């Protein structure tokens, strides 16, 4: 099941509200309140981490590869040729010829 950003944000809000309720109530016996709050803070940290990871789209993740796939295909000479074309402004389409 795919999770969208809004549902994770809603989960984060529910956890935060539960933590707020526990912080304002009478402490439970056997040290349960601090343990519950500790677990809720861990859950908040996890949801924050998931939200941060979702900021990057799959295409952005693929873009981090850089030119490694191109380098494997064409070799380093390919990049030298492109750099030379850029320096001479020789890249792109050829100019139209006036007839």
PDB file of N, CA and C in Angstrom:
ATOM      1  N   UNK A   1       0.844  -1.180   0.000  1.00  0.00           N
ATOM      2  CA  UNK A   1       0.000   0.000   0.000  1.00  0.00           C
ATOM      3  C   UNK A   1       0.887   1.241   0.000  1.00  0.00           C
ATOM      4  N   UNK A   2       0.644   2.104  -0.915  1.00  0.00           N
ATOM      5  CA  UNK A   2       1.427   3.332  -1.014  1.00  0.00           C
ATOM      6  C   UNK A   2       0.973   4.332   0.049  1.00  0.00           C
ATOM      7  N   UNK A   3       1.951   5.023   0.622  1.00  0.00           N
ATOM      8  CA  UNK A   3       1.619   6.038   1.620  1.00  0.00           C
ATOM      9  C   UNK A   3       1.897   7.403   1.021  1.00  0.00           C
ATOM     10  N   UNK A   4       0.964   8.291   1.188  1.00  0.00           N
ATOM     11  CA  UNK A   4       1.183   9.642   0.684  1.00  0.00           C
ATOM     12  C   UNK A   4       1.594  10.551   1.838  1.00  0.00           C
ATOM     13  N   UNK A   5       2.052  11.704   1.469  1.00  0.00           N
ATOM     14  CA  UNK A   5       2.591  12.650   2.442  1.00  0.00           C
ATOM     15  C   UNK A   5       1.530  13.091   3.462  1.00  0.00           C
ATOM     16  N   UNK A   6       0.297  13.259   3.011  1.00  0.00           N
ATOM     17  CA  UNK A   6      -0.768  13.738   3.904  1.00  0.00           C
ATOM     18  C   UNK A   6      -1.082  12.714   4.991  1.00  0.00           C
ATOM     19  N   UNK A   7      -1.082  11.427   4.650  1.00  0.00           N
ATOM     20  CA  UNK A   7      -1.402  10.414   5.661  1.00  0.00           C
ATOM     21  C   UNK A   7      -0.278  10.295   6.686  1.00  0.00           C
ATOM     22  N   UNK A   8       0.964  10.438   6.262  1.00  0.00           N
ATOM     23  CA  UNK A   8       2.077  10.400   7.215  1.00  0.00           C
ATOM     24  C   UNK A   8       2.048  11.631   8.114  1.00  0.00           C
ATOM     25  N   UNK A   9       1.695  12.772   7.538  1.00  0.00           N
ATOM     26  CA  UNK A   9       1.580  13.994   8.346  1.00  0.00           C
ATOM     27  C   UNK A   9       0.449  13.854   9.364  1.00  0.00           C
ATOM     28  N   UNK A  10      -0.658  13.217   8.969  1.00  0.00           N
ATOM     29  CA  UNK A  10      -1.766  12.990   9.897  1.00  0.00           C
ATOM     30  C   UNK A  10      -1.340  12.056  11.031  1.00  0.00           C
ATOM     31  N   UNK A  11      -0.576  11.027  10.703  1.00  0.00           N
ATOM     32  CA  UNK A  11      -0.057  10.127  11.735  1.00  0.00           C
ATOM     33  C   UNK A  11       0.851  10.879  12.705  1.00  0.00           C
ATOM     34  N   UNK A  12       1.686  11.755  12.166  1.00  0.00           N
ATOM     35  CA  UNK A  12       2.577  12.550  13.014  1.00  0.00           C
ATOM     36  C   UNK A  12       1.763  13.443  13.958  1.00  0.00           C
ATOM     37  N   UNK A  13       0.704  14.047  13.442  1.00  0.00           N
ATOM     38  CA  UNK A  13      -0.147  14.901  14.271  1.00  0.00           C
ATOM     39  C   UNK A  13      -0.833  14.104  15.386  1.00  0.00           C
ATOM     40  N   UNK A  14      -1.280  12.884  15.073  1.00  0.00           N
ATOM     41  CA  UNK A  14      -1.908  12.039  16.094  1.00  0.00           C
ATOM     42  C   UNK A  14      -0.912  11.672  17.198  1.00  0.00           C
ATOM     43  N   UNK A  15       0.300  11.341  16.800  1.00  0.00           N
ATOM     44  CA  UNK A  15       1.321  10.989  17.793  1.00  0.00           C
ATOM     45  C   UNK A  15       1.657  12.194  18.662  1.00  0.00           C
ATOM     46  N   UNK A  16       1.784  13.360  18.049  1.00  0.00           N
ATOM     47  CA  UNK A  16       2.103  14.573  18.808  1.00  0.00           C
ATOM     48  C   UNK A  16       0.988  14.919  19.782  1.00  0.00           C
ATOM     49  N   UNK A  17      -0.258  14.750  19.348  1.00  0.00           N
ATOM     50  CA  UNK A  17      -1.378  15.054  20.238  1.00  0.00           C
ATOM     51  C   UNK A  17      -1.434  14.073  21.408  1.00  0.00           C
ATOM     52  N   UNK A  18      -1.145  12.810  21.149  1.00  0.00           N
ATOM     53  CA  UNK A  18      -1.112  11.819  22.222  1.00  0.00           C
ATOM     54  C   UNK A  18      -0.020  12.148  23.227  1.00  0.00           C
ATOM     55  N   UNK A  19       1.125  12.581  22.738  1.00  0.00           N
ATOM     56  CA  UNK A  19       2.218  12.978  23.626  1.00  0.00           C
ATOM     57  C   UNK A  19       1.807  14.171  24.485  1.00  0.00           C
ATOM     58  N   UNK A  20       1.109  15.117  23.887  1.00  0.00           N
ATOM     59  CA  UNK A  20       0.640  16.285  24.637  1.00  0.00           C
ATOM     60  C   UNK A  20      -0.356  15.884  25.720  1.00  0.00           C
ATOM     61  N   UNK A  21      -1.253  14.980  25.415  1.00  0.00           N
ATOM     62  CA  UNK A  21      -2.237  14.518  26.395  1.00  0.00           C
ATOM     63  C   UNK A  21      -1.532  13.818  27.557  1.00  0.00           C
ATOM     64  N   UNK A  22      -0.569  12.976  27.250  1.00  0.00           N
ATOM     65  CA  UNK A  22       0.159  12.268  28.314  1.00  0.00           C
ATOM     66  C   UNK A  22       0.957  13.226  29.189  1.00  0.00           C
ATOM     67  N   UNK A  23       1.451  14.307  28.587  1.00  0.00           N
ATOM     68  CA  UNK A  23       2.257  15.243  29.373  1.00  0.00           C
ATOM     69  C   UNK A  23       1.413  16.062  30.345  1.00  0.00           C
ATOM     70  N   UNK A  24       0.110  16.153  30.098  1.00  0.00           N
ATOM     71  CA  UNK A  24      -0.744  16.977  30.960  1.00  0.00           C
ATOM     72  C   UNK A  24      -1.604  16.155  31.922  1.00  0.00           C
ATOM     73  N   UNK A  25      -1.508  14.826  31.873  1.00  0.00           N
ATOM     74  CA  UNK A  25      -2.327  13.999  32.761  1.00  0.00           C
ATOM     75  C   UNK A  25      -1.539  13.588  33.993  1.00  0.00           C
ATOM     76  N   UNK A  26      -2.240  12.956  34.911  1.00  0.00           N
ATOM     77  CA  UNK A  26      -1.623  12.452  36.137  1.00  0.00           C
ATOM     78  C   UNK A  26      -0.697  11.291  35.761  1.00  0.00           C
ATOM     79  N   UNK A  27       0.496  11.245  36.321  1.00  0.00           N
ATOM     80  CA  UNK A  27       1.423  10.156  35.969  1.00  0.00           C
ATOM     81  C   UNK A  27       0.863   8.780  36.304  1.00  0.00           C
ATOM     82  N   UNK A  28       1.097   7.840  35.441  1.00  0.00           N
ATOM     83  CA  UNK A  28       0.647   6.459  35.650  1.00  0.00           C
ATOM     84  C   UNK A  28       1.617   5.744  36.589  1.00  0.00           C
ATOM     85  N   UNK A  29       1.138   4.708  37.262  1.00  0.00           N
ATOM     86  CA  UNK A  29       2.033   3.979  38.175  1.00  0.00           C
ATOM     87  C   UNK A  29       3.109   3.192  37.416  1.00  0.00           C
ATOM     88  N   UNK A  30       4.115   2.778  38.152  1.00  0.00           N
ATOM     89  CA  UNK A  30       5.201   1.949  37.651  1.00  0.00           C
ATOM     90  C   UNK A  30       5.975   2.604  36.503  1.00  0.00           C
ATOM     91  N   UNK A  31       6.099   3.915  36.555  1.00  0.00           N
ATOM     92  CA  UNK A  31       6.915   4.658  35.589  1.00  0.00           C
ATOM     93  C   UNK A  31       6.459   4.460  34.134  1.00  0.00           C
ATOM     94  N   UNK A  32       5.159   4.306  33.919  1.00  0.00           N
ATOM     95  CA  UNK A  32       4.639   4.063  32.562  1.00  0.00           C
ATOM     96  C   UNK A  32       4.555   5.335  31.733  1.00  0.00           C
ATOM     97  N   UNK A  33       4.252   6.454  32.353  1.00  0.00           N
ATOM     98  CA  UNK A  33       4.103   7.699  31.598  1.00  0.00           C
ATOM     99  C   UNK A  33       5.412   8.111  30.916  1.00  0.00           C
ATOM    100  N   UNK A  34       6.541   8.133  31.625  1.00  0.00           N
ATOM    101  CA  UNK A  34       7.781   8.508  30.934  1.00  0.00           C
ATOM    102  C   UNK A  34       8.140   7.548  29.801  1.00  0.00           C
ATOM    103  N   UNK A  35       7.880   6.260  30.008  1.00  0.00           N
ATOM    104  CA  UNK A  35       8.183   5.284  28.950  1.00  0.00           C
ATOM    105  C   UNK A  35       7.295   5.513  27.738  1.00  0.00           C
ATOM    106  N   UNK A  36       6.016   5.783  27.958  1.00  0.00           N
ATOM    107  CA  UNK A  36       5.104   6.070  26.842  1.00  0.00           C
ATOM    108  C   UNK A  36       5.552   7.305  26.076  1.00  0.00           C
ATOM    109  N   UNK A  37       5.941   8.334  26.811  1.00  0.00           N
ATOM    110  CA  UNK A  37       6.389   9.569  26.154  1.00  0.00           C
ATOM    111  C   UNK A  37       7.684   9.337  25.379  1.00  0.00           C
ATOM    112  N   UNK A  38       8.556   8.494  25.908  1.00  0.00           N
ATOM    113  CA  UNK A  38       9.808   8.167  25.203  1.00  0.00           C
ATOM    114  C   UNK A  38       9.504   7.453  23.885  1.00  0.00           C
ATOM    115  N   UNK A  39       8.578   6.501  23.941  1.00  0.00           N
ATOM    116  CA  UNK A  39       8.192   5.779  22.725  1.00  0.00           C
ATOM    117  C   UNK A  39       7.520   6.702  21.713  1.00  0.00           C
ATOM    118  N   UNK A  40       6.698   7.627  22.197  1.00  0.00           N
ATOM    119  CA  UNK A  40       6.044   8.568  21.289  1.00  0.00           C
ATOM    120  C   UNK A  40       7.050   9.511  20.634  1.00  0.00           C
ATOM    121  N   UNK A  41       8.066   9.924  21.374  1.00  0.00           N
ATOM    122  CA  UNK A  41       9.111  10.775  20.782  1.00  0.00           C
ATOM    123  C   UNK A  41       9.878  10.010  19.710  1.00  0.00           C
ATOM    124  N   UNK A  42      10.123   8.720  19.933  1.00  0.00           N
ATOM    125  CA  UNK A  42      10.783   7.893  18.919  1.00  0.00           C
ATOM    126  C   UNK A  42       9.904   7.766  17.671  1.00  0.00           C
ATOM    127  N   UNK A  43       8.594   7.588  17.884  1.00  0.00           N
ATOM    128  CA  UNK A  43       7.672   7.500  16.748  1.00  0.00           C
ATOM    129  C   UNK A  43       7.636   8.818  15.973  1.00  0.00           C
ATOM    130  N   UNK A  44       7.680   9.946  16.693  1.00  0.00           N
ATOM    131  CA  UNK A  44       7.722  11.252  16.018  1.00  0.00           C
ATOM    132  C   UNK A  44       8.991  11.403  15.193  1.00  0.00           C
ATOM    133  N   UNK A  45      10.116  10.945  15.742  1.00  0.00           N
ATOM    134  CA  UNK A  45      11.376  11.024  15.007  1.00  0.00           C
ATOM    135  C   UNK A  45      11.324  10.170  13.745  1.00  0.00           C
ATOM    136  N   UNK A  46      10.713   8.987  13.837  1.00  0.00           N
ATOM    137  CA  UNK A  46      10.588   8.125  12.664  1.00  0.00           C
ATOM    138  C   UNK A  46       9.701   8.741  11.591  1.00  0.00           C
ATOM    139  N   UNK A  47       8.581   9.321  11.997  1.00  0.00           N
ATOM    140  CA  UNK A  47       7.705   9.941  10.998  1.00  0.00           C
ATOM    141  C   UNK A  47       8.379  11.155  10.364  1.00  0.00           C
ATOM    142  N   UNK A  48       9.134  11.918  11.147  1.00  0.00           N
ATOM    143  CA  UNK A  48       9.892  13.037  10.561  1.00  0.00           C
ATOM    144  C   UNK A  48      10.883  12.537   9.532  1.00  0.00           C
ATOM    145  N   UNK A  49      11.560  11.434   9.842  1.00  0.00           N
ATOM    146  CA  UNK A  49      12.539  10.874   8.920  1.00  0.00           C
ATOM    147  C   UNK A  49      11.871  10.397   7.635  1.00  0.00           C
ATOM    148  N   UNK A  50      10.718   9.759   7.770  1.00  0.00           N
ATOM    149  CA  UNK A  50       9.984   9.290   6.582  1.00  0.00           C
ATOM    150  C   UNK A  50       9.554  10.479   5.727  1.00  0.00           C
ATOM    151  N   UNK A  51       9.085  11.547   6.362  1.00  0.00           N
ATOM    152  CA  UNK A  51       8.676  12.735   5.615  1.00  0.00           C
ATOM    153  C   UNK A  51       9.855  13.368   4.896  1.00  0.00           C
ATOM    154  N   UNK A  52      11.032  13.382   5.518  1.00  0.00           N
ATOM    155  CA  UNK A  52      12.213  13.943   4.863  1.00  0.00           C
ATOM    156  C   UNK A  52      12.638  13.109   3.675  1.00  0.00           C
ATOM    157  N   UNK A  53      12.533  11.779   3.800  1.00  0.00           N
ATOM    158  CA  UNK A  53      12.916  10.906   2.692  1.00  0.00           C
ATOM    159  C   UNK A  53      11.953  11.028   1.526  1.00  0.00           C
ATOM    160  N   UNK A  54      10.708  11.368   1.796  1.00  0.00           N
ATOM    161  CA  UNK A  54       9.725  11.478   0.725  1.00  0.00           C
ATOM    162  C   UNK A  54       9.865  12.772  -0.062  1.00  0.00           C
ATOM    163  N   UNK A  55      10.707  13.689   0.399  1.00  0.00           N
ATOM    164  CA  UNK A  55      10.878  14.930  -0.341  1.00  0.00           C
ATOM    165  C   UNK A  55      11.517  14.684  -1.700  1.00  0.00           C
ATOM    166  N   UNK A  56      12.320  13.644  -1.785  1.00  0.00           N
ATOM    167  CA  UNK A  56      12.996  13.349  -3.042  1.00  0.00           C
ATOM    168  C   UNK A  56      12.125  12.424  -3.889  1.00  0.00           C
ATOM    169  N   UNK A  57      11.898  12.811  -5.128  1.00  0.00           N
ATOM    170  CA  UNK A  57      11.143  11.975  -6.042  1.00  0.00           C
ATOM    171  C   UNK A  57      12.055  10.870  -6.568  1.00  0.00           C
ATOM    172  N   UNK A  58      11.474   9.808  -7.120  1.00  0.00           N
ATOM    173  CA  UNK A  58      12.326   8.748  -7.674  1.00  0.00           C
ATOM    174  C   UNK A  58      13.270   9.246  -8.768  1.00  0.00           C
ATOM    175  N   UNK A  59      12.818  10.222  -9.554  1.00  0.00           N
ATOM    176  CA  UNK A  59      13.700  10.746 -10.600  1.00  0.00           C
ATOM    177  C   UNK A  59      14.882  11.492  -9.995  1.00  0.00           C
ATOM    178  N   UNK A  60      14.662  12.156  -8.857  1.00  0.00           N
ATOM    179  CA  UNK A  60      15.768  12.828  -8.183  1.00  0.00           C
ATOM    180  C   UNK A  60      16.777  11.816  -7.657  1.00  0.00           C
ATOM    181  N   UNK A  61      16.265  10.699  -7.152  1.00  0.00           N
ATOM    182  CA  UNK A  61      17.167   9.670  -6.664  1.00  0.00           C
ATOM    183  C   UNK A  61      18.015   9.097  -7.790  1.00  0.00           C
ATOM    184  N   UNK A  62      17.407   8.911  -8.958  1.00  0.00           N
ATOM    185  CA  UNK A  62      18.173   8.420 -10.106  1.00  0.00           C
ATOM    186  C   UNK A  62      19.185   9.450 -10.579  1.00  0.00           C
ATOM    187  N   UNK A  63      18.846  10.717 -10.443  1.00  0.00           N
ATOM    188  CA  UNK A  63      19.746  11.773 -10.884  1.00  0.00           C
ATOM    189  C   UNK A  63      21.027  11.829 -10.086  1.00  0.00           C
ATOM    190  N   UNK A  64      21.018  11.276  -8.884  1.00  0.00           N
ATOM    191  CA  UNK A  64      22.222  11.281  -8.054  1.00  0.00           C
ATOM    192  C   UNK A  64      23.299  10.362  -8.603  1.00  0.00           C
ATOM    193  N   UNK A  65      22.949   9.527  -9.563  1.00  0.00           N
ATOM    194  CA  UNK A  65      23.955   8.674 -10.168  1.00  0.00           C
ATOM    195  C   UNK A  65      24.966   9.498 -10.953  1.00  0.00           C
ATOM    196  N   UNK A  66      24.526  10.659 -11.406  1.00  0.00           N
ATOM    197  CA  UNK A  66      25.431  11.499 -12.183  1.00  0.00           C
ATOM    198  C   UNK A  66      25.706  10.894 -13.541  1.00  0.00           C
ATOM    199  N   UNK A  67      26.925  10.969 -13.997  1.00  0.00           N
ATOM    200  CA  UNK A  67      27.278  10.451 -15.313  1.00  0.00           C
ATOM    201  C   UNK A  67      27.891   9.076 -15.261  1.00  0.00           C
ATOM    202  N   UNK A  68      27.664   8.326 -14.173  1.00  0.00           N
ATOM    203  CA  UNK A  68      28.310   7.018 -14.046  1.00  0.00           C
ATOM    204  C   UNK A  68      27.835   6.040 -15.113  1.00  0.00           C
ATOM    205  N   UNK A  69      26.533   6.050 -15.447  1.00  0.00           N
ATOM    206  CA  UNK A  69      26.029   5.144 -16.474  1.00  0.00           C
ATOM    207  C   UNK A  69      26.549   5.563 -17.850  1.00  0.00           C
ATOM    208  N   UNK A  70      26.595   6.870 -18.096  1.00  0.00           N
ATOM    209  CA  UNK A  70      27.114   7.361 -19.373  1.00  0.00           C
ATOM    210  C   UNK A  70      28.603   7.048 -19.485  1.00  0.00           C
ATOM    211  N   UNK A  71      29.338   7.208 -18.402  1.00  0.00           N
ATOM    212  CA  UNK A  71      30.770   6.911 -18.421  1.00  0.00           C
ATOM    213  C   UNK A  71      31.010   5.430 -18.690  1.00  0.00           C
ATOM    214  N   UNK A  72      30.157   4.585 -18.148  1.00  0.00           N
ATOM    215  CA  UNK A  72      30.320   3.155 -18.391  1.00  0.00           C
ATOM    216  C   UNK A  72      30.044   2.814 -19.851  1.00  0.00           C
ATOM    217  N   UNK A  73      29.078   3.508 -20.464  1.00  0.00           N
ATOM    218  CA  UNK A  73      28.731   3.231 -21.861  1.00  0.00           C
ATOM    219  C   UNK A  73      29.767   3.771 -22.840  1.00  0.00           C
ATOM    220  N   UNK A  74      30.099   5.061 -22.691  1.00  0.00           N
ATOM    221  CA  UNK A  74      30.897   5.743 -23.701  1.00  0.00           C
ATOM    222  C   UNK A  74      32.355   5.967 -23.314  1.00  0.00           C
ATOM    223  N   UNK A  75      32.661   5.898 -22.057  1.00  0.00           N
ATOM    224  CA  UNK A  75      34.031   6.098 -21.605  1.00  0.00           C
ATOM    225  C   UNK A  75      34.352   7.558 -21.369  1.00  0.00           C
ATOM    226  N   UNK A  76      35.537   7.839 -20.831  1.00  0.00           N
ATOM    227  CA  UNK A  76      35.903   9.218 -20.485  1.00  0.00           C
ATOM    228  C   UNK A  76      36.109  10.115 -21.710  1.00  0.00           C
ATOM    229  N   UNK A  77      36.407   9.505 -22.848  1.00  0.00           N
ATOM    230  CA  UNK A  77      36.615  10.303 -24.068  1.00  0.00           C
ATOM    231  C   UNK A  77      35.349  11.066 -24.451  1.00  0.00           C
ATOM    232  N   UNK A  78      34.203  10.499 -24.195  1.00  0.00           N
ATOM    233  CA  UNK A  78      32.920  11.143 -24.501  1.00  0.00           C
ATOM    234  C   UNK A  78      32.807  12.490 -23.786  1.00  0.00           C
ATOM    235  N   UNK A  79      33.183  12.516 -22.497  1.00  0.00           N
ATOM    236  CA  UNK A  79      33.095  13.755 -21.733  1.00  0.00           C
ATOM    237  C   UNK A  79      34.105  14.791 -22.231  1.00  0.00           C
ATOM    238  N   UNK A  80      35.262  14.341 -22.680  1.00  0.00           N
ATOM    239  CA  UNK A  80      36.246  15.280 -23.241  1.00  0.00           C
ATOM    240  C   UNK A  80      35.706  15.939 -24.514  1.00  0.00           C
ATOM    241  N   UNK A  81      35.065  15.135 -25.360  1.00  0.00           N
ATOM    242  CA  UNK A  81      34.496  15.684 -26.599  1.00  0.00           C
ATOM    243  C   UNK A  81      33.411  16.710 -26.291  1.00  0.00           C
ATOM    244  N   UNK A  82      32.564  16.421 -25.361  1.00  0.00           N
ATOM    245  CA  UNK A  82      31.481  17.352 -25.007  1.00  0.00           C
ATOM    246  C   UNK A  82      32.060  18.633 -24.430  1.00  0.00           C
ATOM    247  N   UNK A  83      33.074  18.510 -23.575  1.00  0.00           N
ATOM    248  CA  UNK A  83      33.699  19.705 -23.004  1.00  0.00           C
ATOM    249  C   UNK A  83      34.344  20.546 -24.095  1.00  0.00           C
ATOM    250  N   UNK A  84      34.957  19.902 -25.078  1.00  0.00           N
ATOM    251  CA  UNK A  84      35.574  20.648 -26.179  1.00  0.00           C
ATOM    252  C   UNK A  84      34.509  21.367 -27.000  1.00  0.00           C
ATOM    253  N   UNK A  85      33.373  20.706 -27.230  1.00  0.00           N
ATOM    254  CA  UNK A  85      32.291  21.349 -27.977  1.00  0.00           C
ATOM    255  C   UNK A  85      31.761  22.568 -27.221  1.00  0.00           C
ATOM    256  N   UNK A  86      31.679  22.451 -25.906  1.00  0.00           N
ATOM    257  CA  UNK A  86      31.183  23.561 -25.102  1.00  0.00           C
ATOM    258  C   UNK A  86      32.130  24.741 -25.167  1.00  0.00           C
ATOM    259  N   UNK A  87      33.423  24.469 -25.160  1.00  0.00           N
ATOM    260  CA  UNK A  87      34.402  25.551 -25.178  1.00  0.00           C
ATOM    261  C   UNK A  87      34.404  26.284 -26.515  1.00  0.00           C
ATOM    262  N   UNK A  88      34.075  25.561 -27.600  1.00  0.00           N
ATOM    263  CA  UNK A  88      34.040  26.185 -28.928  1.00  0.00           C
ATOM    264  C   UNK A  88      32.637  26.631 -29.309  1.00  0.00           C
ATOM    265  N   UNK A  89      31.689  26.484 -28.388  1.00  0.00           N
ATOM    266  CA  UNK A  89      30.269  26.777 -28.671  1.00  0.00           C
ATOM    267  C   UNK A  89      29.808  25.968 -29.874  1.00  0.00           C
ATOM    268  N   UNK A  90      30.247  24.731 -29.946  1.00  0.00           N
ATOM    269  CA  UNK A  90      29.918  23.887 -31.089  1.00  0.00           C
ATOM    270  C   UNK A  90      28.851  22.855 -30.758  1.00  0.00           C
ATOM    271  N   UNK A  91      28.254  22.939 -29.598  1.00  0.00           N
ATOM    272  CA  UNK A  91      27.254  21.953 -29.227  1.00  0.00           C
ATOM    273  C   UNK A  91      25.888  22.306 -29.775  1.00  0.00           C
ATOM    274  N   UNK A  92      24.983  21.377 -29.712  1.00  0.00           N
ATOM    275  CA  UNK A  92      23.601  21.621 -30.122  1.00  0.00           C
ATOM    276  C   UNK A  92      23.373  21.389 -31.592  1.00  0.00           C
ATOM    277  N   UNK A  93      22.255  21.926 -32.084  1.00  0.00           N
ATOM    278  CA  UNK A  93      21.877  21.744 -33.485  1.00  0.00           C
ATOM    279  C   UNK A  93      22.703  22.640 -34.393  1.00  0.00           C
ATOM    280  N   UNK A  94      22.906  22.205 -35.605  1.00  0.00           N
ATOM    281  CA  UNK A  94      23.582  23.068 -36.564  1.00  0.00           C
ATOM    282  C   UNK A  94      22.678  24.269 -36.927  1.00  0.00           C
ATOM    283  N   UNK A  95      23.287  25.377 -37.283  1.00  0.00           N
ATOM    284  CA  UNK A  95      22.517  26.561 -37.648  1.00  0.00           C
ATOM    285  C   UNK A  95      21.838  26.357 -38.987  1.00  0.00           C
ATOM    286  N   UNK A  96      20.729  27.069 -39.171  1.00  0.00           N
ATOM    287  CA  UNK A  96      20.009  26.986 -40.451  1.00  0.00           C
ATOM    288  C   UNK A  96      20.809  27.710 -41.517  1.00  0.00           C
ATOM    289  N   UNK A  97      20.804  27.138 -42.695  1.00  0.00           N
ATOM    290  CA  UNK A  97      21.511  27.754 -43.823  1.00  0.00           C
ATOM    291  C   UNK A  97      20.516  28.608 -44.623  1.00  0.00           C
ATOM    292  N   UNK A  98      20.908  29.839 -44.924  1.00  0.00           N
ATOM    293  CA  UNK A  98      20.048  30.729 -45.714  1.00  0.00           C
ATOM    294  C   UNK A  98      20.151  30.315 -47.179  1.00  0.00           C
ATOM    295  N   UNK A  99      19.001  30.042 -47.793  1.00  0.00           N
ATOM    296  CA  UNK A  99      19.015  29.632 -49.212  1.00  0.00           C
ATOM    297  C   UNK A  99      18.901  30.795 -50.128  1.00  0.00           C
TER     298      UNK A  99
END
